[in-house]
C-alpha atoms as a PDB file:
ATOM      1  CA  MET A   1      -7.254 -21.831  31.497  1.00  0.00           C
ATOM      2  CA  GLU A   2      -5.791 -25.301  31.966  1.00  0.00           C
ATOM      3  CA  SER A   3      -3.522 -26.469  29.147  1.00  0.00           C
ATOM      4  CA  ILE A   4      -5.130 -29.975  29.079  1.00  0.00           C
ATOM      5  CA  LYS A   5      -8.604 -28.481  28.645  1.00  0.00           C
ATOM      6  CA  THR A   6      -7.306 -26.114  25.959  1.00  0.00           C
ATOM      7  CA  LYS A   7      -5.719 -28.990  24.064  1.00  0.00           C
ATOM      8  CA  LYS A   8      -8.940 -31.033  24.087  1.00  0.00           C
ATOM      9  CA  LEU A   9     -11.007 -28.111  22.863  1.00  0.00           C
ATOM     10  CA  LEU A  10      -8.499 -27.424  20.062  1.00  0.00           C
ATOM     11  CA  GLU A  11      -8.598 -31.066  18.980  1.00  0.00           C
ATOM     12  CA  LYS A  12     -12.380 -30.828  18.685  1.00  0.00           C
ATOM     13  CA  GLY A  13     -12.148 -27.517  16.774  1.00  0.00           C
ATOM     14  CA  ARG A  14     -13.991 -25.593  19.470  1.00  0.00           C
ATOM     15  CA  PHE A  15     -11.914 -22.449  18.988  1.00  0.00           C
ATOM     16  CA  GLU A  16     -14.541 -19.992  20.190  1.00  0.00           C
ATOM     17  CA  GLU A  17     -14.691 -21.744  23.575  1.00  0.00           C
ATOM     18  CA  VAL A  18     -10.893 -21.568  23.849  1.00  0.00           C
ATOM     19  CA  ILE A  19     -10.897 -17.818  23.243  1.00  0.00           C
ATOM     20  CA  GLU A  20     -13.830 -17.157  25.581  1.00  0.00           C
ATOM     21  CA  GLY A  21     -12.176 -19.313  28.254  1.00  0.00           C
ATOM     22  CA  PHE A  22      -9.004 -17.225  28.176  1.00  0.00           C
ATOM     23  CA  LEU A  23     -10.953 -13.948  28.226  1.00  0.00           C
ATOM     24  CA  LYS A  24     -13.099 -15.099  31.136  1.00  0.00           C
ATOM     25  CA  GLU A  25      -9.936 -15.838  33.093  1.00  0.00           C
ATOM     26  CA  TYR A  26      -8.592 -12.416  32.080  1.00  0.00           C
ATOM     27  CA  LEU A  27     -11.630 -10.676  33.610  1.00  0.00           C
ATOM     28  CA  THR A  28     -11.665 -12.895  36.709  1.00  0.00           C
ATOM     29  CA  LEU A  29      -8.123 -11.799  37.588  1.00  0.00           C
ATOM     30  CA  ASP A  30      -9.435  -8.287  38.263  1.00  0.00           C
ATOM     31  CA  GLU A  31     -12.435  -9.478  40.232  1.00  0.00           C
ATOM     32  CA  ASP A  32     -10.394 -11.697  42.551  1.00  0.00           C
ATOM     33  CA  ASN A  33      -7.567  -9.165  42.886  1.00  0.00           C
ATOM     34  CA  VAL A  34      -5.060 -11.964  42.281  1.00  0.00           C
ATOM     35  CA  GLU A  35      -1.413 -11.270  43.084  1.00  0.00           C
ATOM     36  CA  GLY A  36       0.707 -10.959  39.947  1.00  0.00           C
ATOM     37  CA  LYS A  37      -2.422 -10.479  37.844  1.00  0.00           C
ATOM     38  CA  GLN A  38      -0.696  -8.167  35.349  1.00  0.00           C
ATOM     39  CA  ASN A  39       1.868 -10.825  34.460  1.00  0.00           C
ATOM     40  CA  ARG A  40      -0.882 -13.407  34.037  1.00  0.00           C
ATOM     41  CA  LYS A  41      -2.874 -10.998  31.844  1.00  0.00           C
ATOM     42  CA  GLU A  42       0.127 -10.548  29.572  1.00  0.00           C
ATOM     43  CA  THR A  43       0.605 -14.341  29.479  1.00  0.00           C
ATOM     44  CA  ILE A  44      -3.028 -14.881  28.448  1.00  0.00           C
ATOM     45  CA  ILE A  45      -2.710 -12.383  25.578  1.00  0.00           C
ATOM     46  CA  THR A  46       0.577 -13.990  24.477  1.00  0.00           C
ATOM     47  CA  GLU A  47      -0.996 -17.473  24.521  1.00  0.00           C
ATOM     48  CA  LEU A  48      -3.938 -16.267  22.465  1.00  0.00           C
ATOM     49  CA  LYS A  49      -1.545 -14.692  19.984  1.00  0.00           C
ATOM     50  CA  ILE A  50       0.455 -17.916  19.642  1.00  0.00           C
ATOM     51  CA  LEU A  51      -2.716 -19.949  19.142  1.00  0.00           C
ATOM     52  CA  GLY A  52      -3.954 -17.444  16.592  1.00  0.00           C
ATOM     53  CA  GLU A  53      -0.709 -17.703  14.626  1.00  0.00           C
ATOM     54  CA  GLY A  54      -0.925 -21.484  14.790  1.00  0.00           C
ATOM     55  CA  PHE A  55      -4.537 -21.632  13.593  1.00  0.00           C
ATOM     56  CA  PRO A  56      -4.931 -18.379  11.602  1.00  0.00           C
ATOM     57  CA  GLY A  57      -7.818 -19.526   9.425  1.00  0.00           C
ATOM     58  CA  ASP A  58      -9.807 -20.732  12.445  1.00  0.00           C
ATOM     59  CA  PHE A  59      -8.923 -18.125  15.055  1.00  0.00           C
ATOM     60  CA  GLY A  60      -8.911 -15.023  12.839  1.00  0.00           C
ATOM     61  CA  PRO A  61     -12.637 -14.741  11.959  1.00  0.00           C
ATOM     62  CA  ILE A  62     -13.721 -15.740  15.496  1.00  0.00           C
ATOM     63  CA  LEU A  63     -11.395 -13.172  17.063  1.00  0.00           C
ATOM     64  CA  ILE A  64     -12.942 -10.452  14.897  1.00  0.00           C
ATOM     65  CA  GLN A  65     -16.472 -11.412  16.023  1.00  0.00           C
ATOM     66  CA  ILE A  66     -15.523 -11.667  19.691  1.00  0.00           C
ATOM     67  CA  ALA A  67     -13.575  -8.394  19.601  1.00  0.00           C
ATOM     68  CA  ASP A  68     -16.732  -6.541  18.562  1.00  0.00           C
ATOM     69  CA  LYS A  69     -18.573  -8.085  21.524  1.00  0.00           C
ATOM     70  CA  TYR A  70     -16.046  -6.541  23.877  1.00  0.00           C
ATOM     71  CA  LYS A  71     -15.987  -3.196  22.095  1.00  0.00           C
ATOM     72  CA  PRO A  72     -17.112  -0.746  24.782  1.00  0.00           C
ATOM     73  CA  SER A  73     -20.226   1.284  24.054  1.00  0.00           C
ATOM     74  CA  PHE A  74     -20.438   4.744  25.539  1.00  0.00           C
ATOM     75  CA  LYS A  75     -24.048   5.228  24.507  1.00  0.00           C
ATOM     76  CA  ILE A  76     -25.400   4.107  27.863  1.00  0.00           C
ATOM     77  CA  GLU A  77     -28.746   5.298  29.144  1.00  0.00           C
ATOM     78  CA  VAL A  78     -28.545   6.084  32.835  1.00  0.00           C
ATOM     79  CA  ALA A  79     -31.766   5.472  34.746  1.00  0.00           C
ATOM     80  CA  ASP A  80     -32.374   7.732  37.744  1.00  0.00           C
ATOM     81  CA  GLU A  81     -29.063   8.289  39.534  1.00  0.00           C
ATOM     82  CA  GLU A  82     -27.446   5.020  38.471  1.00  0.00           C
ATOM     83  CA  LYS A  83     -23.737   5.507  37.926  1.00  0.00           C
ATOM     84  CA  ILE A  84     -21.882   4.304  34.854  1.00  0.00           C
ATOM     85  CA  ASP A  85     -19.434   1.544  35.749  1.00  0.00           C
ATOM     86  CA  GLU A  86     -16.342   3.205  34.277  1.00  0.00           C
ATOM     87  CA  GLU A  87     -14.080   0.463  35.600  1.00  0.00           C
ATOM     88  CA  HIS A  88     -16.072  -2.194  33.725  1.00  0.00           C
ATOM     89  CA  ILE A  89     -15.958  -0.115  30.526  1.00  0.00           C
ATOM     90  CA  GLU A  90     -12.188   0.209  30.819  1.00  0.00           C
ATOM     91  CA  LYS A  91     -11.820  -3.560  31.284  1.00  0.00           C
ATOM     92  CA  GLN A  92     -13.881  -4.127  28.150  1.00  0.00           C
ATOM     93  CA  ALA A  93     -11.785  -1.575  26.257  1.00  0.00           C
ATOM     94  CA  GLU A  94      -8.577  -3.263  27.432  1.00  0.00           C
ATOM     95  CA  ILE A  95      -9.679  -6.665  26.105  1.00  0.00           C
ATOM     96  CA  TYR A  96     -10.934  -5.090  22.883  1.00  0.00           C
ATOM     97  CA  ARG A  97      -7.582  -3.377  22.184  1.00  0.00           C
ATOM     98  CA  SER A  98      -5.687  -6.576  22.966  1.00  0.00           C
ATOM     99  CA  LEU A  99      -7.848  -8.639  20.597  1.00  0.00           C
ATOM    100  CA  VAL A 100      -7.443  -6.100  17.794  1.00  0.00           C
ATOM    101  CA  LYS A 101      -3.662  -6.263  18.249  1.00  0.00           C
ATOM    102  CA  ILE A 102      -3.776 -10.069  18.039  1.00  0.00           C
ATOM    103  CA  ILE A 103      -5.890  -9.885  14.869  1.00  0.00           C
ATOM    104  CA  CYS A 104      -3.406  -7.437  13.318  1.00  0.00           C
ATOM    105  CA  THR A 105      -0.434  -9.660  14.219  1.00  0.00           C
ATOM    106  CA  ILE A 106      -2.082 -12.699  12.612  1.00  0.00           C
ATOM    107  CA  ALA A 107      -3.074 -10.697   9.509  1.00  0.00           C
ATOM    108  CA  GLU A 108       0.438  -9.333   8.948  1.00  0.00           C
ATOM    109  CA  LYS A 109       1.908 -12.832   9.060  1.00  0.00           C
ATOM    110  CA  ASN A 110      -0.743 -14.200   6.670  1.00  0.00           C
ATOM    111  CA  PRO A 111      -1.444 -11.244   4.321  1.00  0.00           C
ATOM    112  CA  LYS A 112      -2.882 -13.264   1.420  1.00  0.00           C
ATOM    113  CA  LYS A 113      -5.350 -15.060   3.654  1.00  0.00           C
ATOM    114  CA  PHE A 114      -6.300 -11.976   5.685  1.00  0.00           C
ATOM    115  CA  VAL A 115      -6.358  -9.276   3.003  1.00  0.00           C
ATOM    116  CA  THR A 116     -10.154  -9.654   3.132  1.00  0.00           C
ATOM    117  CA  ILE A 117     -10.216  -8.018   6.590  1.00  0.00           C
ATOM    118  CA  ILE A 118      -8.811  -4.771   5.143  1.00  0.00           C
ATOM    119  CA  PRO A 119     -12.296  -3.147   5.072  1.00  0.00           C
ATOM    120  CA  ILE A 120     -12.757  -4.039   8.770  1.00  0.00           C
ATOM    121  CA  LEU A 121      -9.396  -2.482   9.662  1.00  0.00           C
ATOM    122  CA  ILE A 122     -10.182   0.636   7.606  1.00  0.00           C
ATOM    123  CA  LYS A 123     -13.457   1.035   9.540  1.00  0.00           C
ATOM    124  CA  LYS A 124     -11.551   0.772  12.808  1.00  0.00           C
ATOM    125  CA  LEU A 125      -9.388   3.768  11.797  1.00  0.00           C
ATOM    126  CA  ALA A 126     -12.282   5.839  13.131  1.00  0.00           C
ATOM    127  CA  GLU A 127     -11.352   4.661  16.649  1.00  0.00           C
ATOM    128  CA  GLN A 128      -8.540   6.708  18.122  1.00  0.00           C
ATOM    129  CA  ASP A 129      -7.280   4.061  20.582  1.00  0.00           C
ATOM    130  CA  ILE A 130      -6.472   1.519  17.882  1.00  0.00           C
ATOM    131  CA  TYR A 131      -5.798   3.837  14.929  1.00  0.00           C
ATOM    132  CA  ASP A 132      -2.020   3.370  14.942  1.00  0.00           C
ATOM    133  CA  ILE A 133      -1.990  -0.440  15.061  1.00  0.00           C
ATOM    134  CA  CYS A 134      -4.680  -0.727  12.355  1.00  0.00           C
ATOM    135  CA  SER A 135      -2.991   1.843  10.125  1.00  0.00           C
ATOM    136  CA  LYS A 136       0.351   0.033  10.393  1.00  0.00           C
ATOM    137  CA  THR A 137      -1.256  -3.334   9.560  1.00  0.00           C
ATOM    138  CA  ILE A 138      -3.075  -1.902   6.522  1.00  0.00           C
ATOM    139  CA  GLU A 139       0.214  -0.478   5.260  1.00  0.00           C
ATOM    140  CA  ASN A 140       2.090  -3.770   5.761  1.00  0.00           C
ATOM    141  CA  ILE A 141      -0.595  -5.849   4.014  1.00  0.00           C
ATOM    142  CA  GLN A 142      -0.698  -3.319   1.172  1.00  0.00           C
ATOM    143  CA  GLN A 143       3.061  -3.622   0.739  1.00  0.00           C
ATOM    144  CA  LYS A 144       2.905  -7.424   0.496  1.00  0.00           C
ATOM    145  CA  VAL A 145      -0.254  -8.008  -1.582  1.00  0.00           C
ATOM    146  CA  PRO A 146      -1.176  -4.755  -3.410  1.00  0.00           C
ATOM    147  CA  GLU A 147      -3.164  -6.366  -6.254  1.00  0.00           C
ATOM    148  CA  GLU A 148      -5.278  -8.429  -3.850  1.00  0.00           C
ATOM    149  CA  MET A 149      -5.900  -5.313  -1.786  1.00  0.00           C
ATOM    150  CA  LEU A 150      -7.067  -3.443  -4.899  1.00  0.00           C
ATOM    151  CA  ASN A 151      -9.638  -6.172  -5.599  1.00  0.00           C
ATOM    152  CA  VAL A 152     -10.932  -6.127  -2.011  1.00  0.00           C
ATOM    153  CA  LEU A 153     -11.329  -2.329  -2.026  1.00  0.00           C
ATOM    154  CA  ALA A 154     -13.091  -2.393  -5.406  1.00  0.00           C
ATOM    155  CA  LYS A 155     -15.674  -4.872  -4.071  1.00  0.00           C
ATOM    156  CA  SER A 156     -16.129  -2.948  -0.825  1.00  0.00           C
ATOM    157  CA  LEU A 157     -16.930   0.274  -2.701  1.00  0.00           C
ATOM    158  CA  LYS A 158     -19.937  -1.404  -4.298  1.00  0.00           C
ATOM    159  CA  LYS A 159     -21.477  -2.514  -0.985  1.00  0.00           C
ATOM    160  CA  GLN A 160     -24.110  -0.028   0.093  1.00  0.00           C
ATOM    161  CA  LYS A 161     -24.152  -1.404   3.646  1.00  0.00           C
ATOM    162  CA  ASP A 162     -20.698   0.141   4.095  1.00  0.00           C
ATOM    163  CA  GLU A 163     -21.941   3.581   3.043  1.00  0.00           C
ATOM    164  CA  ASP A 164     -20.478   5.329   6.087  1.00  0.00           C
ATOM    165  CA  PHE A 165     -17.020   4.013   5.245  1.00  0.00           C
ATOM    166  CA  ARG A 166     -16.888   4.085   1.433  1.00  0.00           C
ATOM    167  CA  TRP A 167     -15.114   7.444   1.490  1.00  0.00           C
ATOM    168  CA  ARG A 168     -12.331   5.817   3.537  1.00  0.00           C
ATOM    169  CA  PHE A 169     -12.064   2.962   0.989  1.00  0.00           C
ATOM    170  CA  THR A 170     -11.834   5.597  -1.764  1.00  0.00           C
ATOM    171  CA  LEU A 171      -8.978   7.416  -0.037  1.00  0.00           C
ATOM    172  CA  GLN A 172      -7.179   4.115   0.510  1.00  0.00           C
ATOM    173  CA  LEU A 173      -7.374   3.429  -3.242  1.00  0.00           C
ATOM    174  CA  GLY A 174      -5.600   6.740  -3.806  1.00  0.00           C
ATOM    175  CA  LYS A 175      -2.860   5.811  -1.333  1.00  0.00           C
ATOM    176  CA  LEU A 176      -2.446   2.476  -3.103  1.00  0.00           C
ATOM    177  CA  GLY A 177      -2.004   4.299  -6.419  1.00  0.00           C
ATOM    178  CA  THR A 178       0.715   6.582  -5.073  1.00  0.00           C
ATOM    179  CA  LYS A 179       2.691   3.581  -3.779  1.00  0.00           C
ATOM    180  CA  PHE A 180       2.172   1.255  -6.756  1.00  0.00           C
ATOM    181  CA  PRO A 181       2.185   3.179 -10.073  1.00  0.00           C
ATOM    182  CA  GLU A 182       1.748  -0.078 -12.020  1.00  0.00           C
ATOM    183  CA  LEU A 183      -1.814  -0.304 -10.616  1.00  0.00           C
ATOM    184  CA  ILE A 184      -2.827   3.248 -11.598  1.00  0.00           C
ATOM    185  CA  LYS A 185      -4.432   2.146 -14.884  1.00  0.00           C
ATOM    186  CA  ASP A 186      -6.894   0.039 -12.842  1.00  0.00           C
ATOM    187  CA  ILE A 187      -7.310   2.465  -9.934  1.00  0.00           C
ATOM    188  CA  ILE A 188      -8.153   5.667 -11.853  1.00  0.00           C
ATOM    189  CA  PRO A 189     -11.312   4.239 -13.543  1.00  0.00           C
ATOM    190  CA  LEU A 190     -12.593   3.127 -10.116  1.00  0.00           C
ATOM    191  CA  LEU A 191     -11.958   6.573  -8.633  1.00  0.00           C
ATOM    192  CA  LYS A 192     -13.456   8.281 -11.692  1.00  0.00           C
ATOM    193  CA  GLU A 193     -16.755   6.461 -11.050  1.00  0.00           C
ATOM    194  CA  ARG A 194     -16.792   7.825  -7.496  1.00  0.00           C
ATOM    195  CA  LEU A 195     -16.665  11.433  -8.752  1.00  0.00           C
ATOM    196  CA  GLU A 196     -20.411  11.095  -9.408  1.00  0.00           C
ATOM    197  CA  ASP A 197     -21.237   9.205  -6.202  1.00  0.00           C
ATOM    198  CA  SER A 198     -24.400  10.152  -4.308  1.00  0.00           C
ATOM    199  CA  ASP A 199     -22.383  10.615  -1.094  1.00  0.00           C
ATOM    200  CA  GLU A 200     -20.579  13.968  -0.939  1.00  0.00           C
ATOM    201  CA  ARG A 201     -17.839  12.477   1.243  1.00  0.00           C
ATOM    202  CA  VAL A 202     -17.086   9.866  -1.434  1.00  0.00           C
ATOM    203  CA  ARG A 203     -16.992  12.530  -4.188  1.00  0.00           C
ATOM    204  CA  ALA A 204     -14.623  14.615  -2.090  1.00  0.00           C
ATOM    205  CA  ALA A 205     -12.437  11.583  -1.355  1.00  0.00           C
ATOM    206  CA  ALA A 206     -12.337  10.621  -5.058  1.00  0.00           C
ATOM    207  CA  THR A 207     -11.346  14.181  -6.013  1.00  0.00           C
ATOM    208  CA  GLU A 208      -8.549  14.164  -3.444  1.00  0.00           C
ATOM    209  CA  ALA A 209      -7.392  10.626  -4.296  1.00  0.00           C
ATOM    210  CA  ILE A 210      -7.161  11.243  -8.064  1.00  0.00           C
ATOM    211  CA  SER A 211      -5.340  14.528  -7.472  1.00  0.00           C
ATOM    212  CA  LEU A 212      -2.833  12.894  -5.121  1.00  0.00           C
ATOM    213  CA  VAL A 213      -2.119  10.094  -7.608  1.00  0.00           C
ATOM    214  CA  GLY A 214      -1.561  12.659 -10.366  1.00  0.00           C
ATOM    215  CA  ILE A 215       0.718  14.818  -8.205  1.00  0.00           C
ATOM    216  CA  GLU A 216       2.733  11.945  -6.723  1.00  0.00           C
ATOM    217  CA  SER A 217       3.157   9.884  -9.926  1.00  0.00           C
ATOM    218  CA  PRO A 218       2.955  12.334 -12.869  1.00  0.00           C
ATOM    219  CA  GLU A 219       5.165  10.244 -15.171  1.00  0.00           C
ATOM    220  CA  ASP A 220       2.732   7.328 -14.842  1.00  0.00           C
ATOM    221  CA  THR A 221      -0.499   9.292 -15.256  1.00  0.00           C
ATOM    222  CA  THR A 222       0.002  11.107 -18.580  1.00  0.00           C
ATOM    223  CA  ASN A 223      -3.352  11.079 -20.434  1.00  0.00           C
ATOM    224  CA  VAL A 224      -4.917   9.093 -17.543  1.00  0.00           C
ATOM    225  CA  ILE A 225      -5.897  11.768 -15.017  1.00  0.00           C
ATOM    226  CA  PRO A 226      -9.367  13.203 -15.862  1.00  0.00           C
ATOM    227  CA  ILE A 227      -8.231  16.775 -15.187  1.00  0.00           C
ATOM    228  CA  GLU A 228     -11.290  18.421 -16.771  1.00  0.00           C
ATOM    229  CA  GLU A 229     -13.698  16.313 -14.710  1.00  0.00           C
ATOM    230  CA  ILE A 230     -11.769  17.164 -11.549  1.00  0.00           C
ATOM    231  CA  LYS A 231     -11.957  20.875 -12.363  1.00  0.00           C
ATOM    232  CA  GLU A 232     -15.736  20.586 -12.790  1.00  0.00           C
ATOM    233  CA  LYS A 233     -15.989  19.513  -9.140  1.00  0.00           C
ATOM    234  CA  ALA A 234     -15.382  23.163  -8.212  1.00  0.00           C
ATOM    235  CA  GLU A 235     -19.063  23.638  -9.160  1.00  0.00           C
ATOM    236  CA  ASP A 236     -20.280  20.620  -7.135  1.00  0.00           C
ATOM    237  CA  GLU A 237     -23.362  21.162  -4.969  1.00  0.00           C
ATOM    238  CA  SER A 238     -21.349  20.123  -1.908  1.00  0.00           C
ATOM    239  CA  ALA A 239     -19.163  22.706  -0.163  1.00  0.00           C
ATOM    240  CA  ILE A 240     -16.829  19.898   0.970  1.00  0.00           C
ATOM    241  CA  VAL A 241     -16.177  18.804  -2.629  1.00  0.00           C
ATOM    242  CA  GLN A 242     -15.716  22.426  -3.747  1.00  0.00           C
ATOM    243  CA  ASP A 243     -13.133  23.070  -1.020  1.00  0.00           C
ATOM    244  CA  ILE A 244     -11.127  19.926  -1.839  1.00  0.00           C
ATOM    245  CA  THR A 245     -11.179  20.813  -5.561  1.00  0.00           C
ATOM    246  CA  LYS A 246     -10.010  24.384  -5.003  1.00  0.00           C
ATOM    247  CA  GLU A 247      -7.232  23.114  -2.751  1.00  0.00           C
ATOM    248  CA  MET A 248      -5.951  20.331  -5.052  1.00  0.00           C
ATOM    249  CA  VAL A 249      -6.539  21.523  -8.635  1.00  0.00           C
ATOM    250  CA  PRO A 250      -3.919  24.326  -8.849  1.00  0.00           C
ATOM    251  CA  THR A 251      -1.096  21.947  -7.876  1.00  0.00           C
ATOM    252  CA  LEU A 252      -2.474  19.158 -10.062  1.00  0.00           C
ATOM    253  CA  GLU A 253      -2.702  21.454 -13.106  1.00  0.00           C
ATOM    254  CA  LYS A 254       0.906  22.589 -12.725  1.00  0.00           C
ATOM    255  CA  VAL A 255       2.144  19.013 -12.410  1.00  0.00           C
ATOM    256  CA  VAL A 256       0.094  17.795 -15.395  1.00  0.00           C
ATOM    257  CA  GLU A 257       1.238  20.727 -17.589  1.00  0.00           C
ATOM    258  CA  ALA A 258       4.883  20.172 -16.641  1.00  0.00           C
ATOM    259  CA  GLU A 259       4.635  16.449 -17.375  1.00  0.00           C
ATOM    260  CA  GLU A 260       2.936  17.064 -20.744  1.00  0.00           C
ATOM    261  CA  LEU A 261       5.691  19.522 -21.654  1.00  0.00           C
ATOM    262  CA  ILE A 262       8.422  17.032 -20.716  1.00  0.00           C
ATOM    263  CA  HIS A 263       6.583  14.250 -22.534  1.00  0.00           C
ATOM    264  CA  GLY A 264       6.154  16.446 -25.651  1.00  0.00           C
ATOM    265  CA  LEU A 265       9.816  17.460 -25.710  1.00  0.00           C
ATOM    266  CA  GLY A 266      10.851  13.846 -25.332  1.00  0.00           C
ATOM    267  CA  GLU A 267       8.739  12.818 -28.320  1.00  0.00           C
ATOM    268  CA  SER A 268       9.973  15.651 -30.561  1.00  0.00           C
ATOM    269  CA  LEU A 269      13.605  14.872 -29.733  1.00  0.00           C
ATOM    270  CA  ALA A 270      13.012  11.232 -30.562  1.00  0.00           C
ATOM    271  CA  VAL A 271      11.514  12.202 -33.946  1.00  0.00           C
ATOM    272  CA  GLU A 272      14.446  14.509 -34.705  1.00  0.00           C
ATOM    273  CA  GLU A 273      16.938  11.778 -33.953  1.00  0.00           C
ATOM    274  CA  LYS A 274      15.181   9.421 -36.366  1.00  0.00           C
ATOM    275  CA  THR A 275      14.764  11.895 -39.272  1.00  0.00           C
ATOM    276  CA  GLU A 276      18.079  13.764 -39.080  1.00  0.00           C
ATOM    277  CA  GLU A 277      20.622  12.664 -41.751  1.00  0.00           C
ATOM    278  CA  PRO A 278      24.078  11.895 -40.531  1.00  0.00           C
ATOM    279  CA  ARG A 279      26.458  14.789 -41.220  1.00  0.00           C
ATOM    280  CA  LYS A 280      29.148  14.379 -43.853  1.00  0.00           C
ATOM    281  CA  SER A 281      32.618  15.062 -42.616  1.00  0.00           C
ATOM    282  CA  VAL A 282      34.319  18.114 -44.164  1.00  0.00           C
ATOM    283  CA  ILE A 283      37.716  16.706 -43.395  1.00  0.00           C
ATOM    284  CA  LYS A 284      39.080  14.749 -46.304  1.00  0.00           C
ATOM    285  CA  PRO A 285      40.667  11.497 -45.380  1.00  0.00           C
ATOM    286  CA  LYS A 286      44.379  11.330 -45.939  1.00  0.00           C
ATOM    287  CA  GLU A 287      45.402   9.723 -49.183  1.00  0.00           C
ATOM    288  CA  LYS A 288      47.145   6.483 -48.767  1.00  0.00           C
ATOM    289  CA  GLU A 289      50.849   6.996 -49.056  1.00  0.00           C
ATOM    290  CA  SER A 290      52.543   4.549 -51.367  1.00  0.00           C
ATOM    291  CA  LYS A 291      55.348   2.643 -49.832  1.00  0.00           C
ATOM    292  CA  PRO A 292      58.810   3.540 -51.231  1.00  0.00           C
ATOM    293  CA  LYS A 293      60.104   1.019 -53.679  1.00  0.00           C
ATOM    294  CA  ARG A 294      62.894  -1.109 -52.410  1.00  0.00           C
ATOM    295  CA  VAL A 295      66.168  -0.430 -54.180  1.00  0.00           C
ATOM    296  CA  ALA A 296      67.783  -3.629 -55.230  1.00  0.00           C
ATOM    297  CA  LYS A 297      71.281  -3.934 -53.952  1.00  0.00           C
ATOM    298  CA  LYS A 298      73.982  -4.995 -56.372  1.00  0.00           C
ATOM    299  CA  LYS A 299      75.330  -8.312 -55.571  1.00  0.00           C
ATOM    300  CA  LYS A 300      79.032  -8.418 -55.077  1.00  0.00           C
ATOM    301  CA  GLY A 301      80.646 -11.016 -57.234  1.00  0.00           C
ATOM    302  CA  LYS A 302      83.024 -13.540 -55.779  1.00  0.00           C
ATOM    303  CA  LYS A 303      86.694 -12.799 -56.240  1.00  0.00           C
ATOM    304  CA  THR A 304      88.372 -15.282 -58.472  1.00  0.00           C
ATOM    305  CA  ARG A 305      91.725 -16.782 -57.764  1.00  0.00           C
ATOM    306  CA  LYS A 306      93.261 -14.898 -60.692  1.00  0.00           C
ATOM    307  CA  MET A 307      92.287 -11.555 -59.221  1.00  0.00           C
ATOM    308  CA  LYS A 308      93.813 -12.456 -55.914  1.00  0.00           C
ATOM    309  CA  LYS A 309      97.055 -13.359 -57.634  1.00  0.00           C
ATOM    310  CA  LYS A 310      97.178  -9.962 -59.356  1.00  0.00           C
ATOM    311  CA  LYS A 311      97.120  -8.226 -56.007  1.00  0.00           C
END
C-alpha cells in the first residue's frame, strides 16, 4: 500500500480502510507469486504493528473486529465432490494469527486502555494456535493493572452471553488471587457466588479457584476461605464438581488447619507477652562502697633562722 495513500487515509481517520488495504496487499502477494513476497509480508505486518502502536485507541478495536473476519472456519459444507481450499484456509489463518499478535503487542504497551479486551483474549485461549501469545499477554496485563483486571472479570461473569466462557473467567480470578493476595478479600466473595452457579463448569472452576487461593496464600486467607461450603461440593449433582472437590479439599484442609494452628499460637504468645510480669532479679545489687576518707597531711613548718643557727 502506497505511503502517500496511507497518510491521507490516516489524516481522515479512515483506519479500517488502512488495515484492509494492507491485508489485501498481503493476500495479493500469494496470488501473484511475487518474488521476495515473504519479506514484503513481514514488512506489512511490521507496518501495521507500528501504526497500531501509534494509534492504539483507533486501531485496537478495529483490529479485533477484522481479525475475527479472517478467523478460519473449518465448519464448511462440501457440496458434491467440491474440494476444500486448504491453501485459502491457511492464508486466512496466517493473517488471523498475525493480527492477534499485533493486538497483543498494542495491549501490552497500553494495559490500562486495553484491559477491557481481557475477556476476548481469555476466549481465544480455546484456540491452540494462539494460546501462548494470548496467555502471555493476559499475564503481562494482569501484572501491570491487577485491580482493573479484577473489575473487568467481575463484570464479564455477570454477562450471560458469555456463558460458554464464564468458567474461564472464574479460573482467571483464582489466578489473580494467587498472584495478588491484597485482592483476595474482593475475589473470594465473587468466587463464592459462583459455587451456586447454574453451569457445572463454573461451579467446578469456582471450587478449584477458591482452593488454589487458599493453598497458595494461606496466611492471607485465614477466616476468608469458605471451607465448609467447598466440602459440600463433594455432594454436588455434577460429577465434574465432585471430582474437583475430592481432588482439592484434602490439601486445602491441611493448609487451613496448619494456618489456624500457627495463627492461634501466635495470638496466645502475644497474650502471654502482655500479661506476664517482669521477673525480679534474685541477684542483689552491690552496695555502694564508700570512698576512703582522705588523710590530711601535716604541713611542715618553715625552719626559722634561729633553728638553722643551732645546727
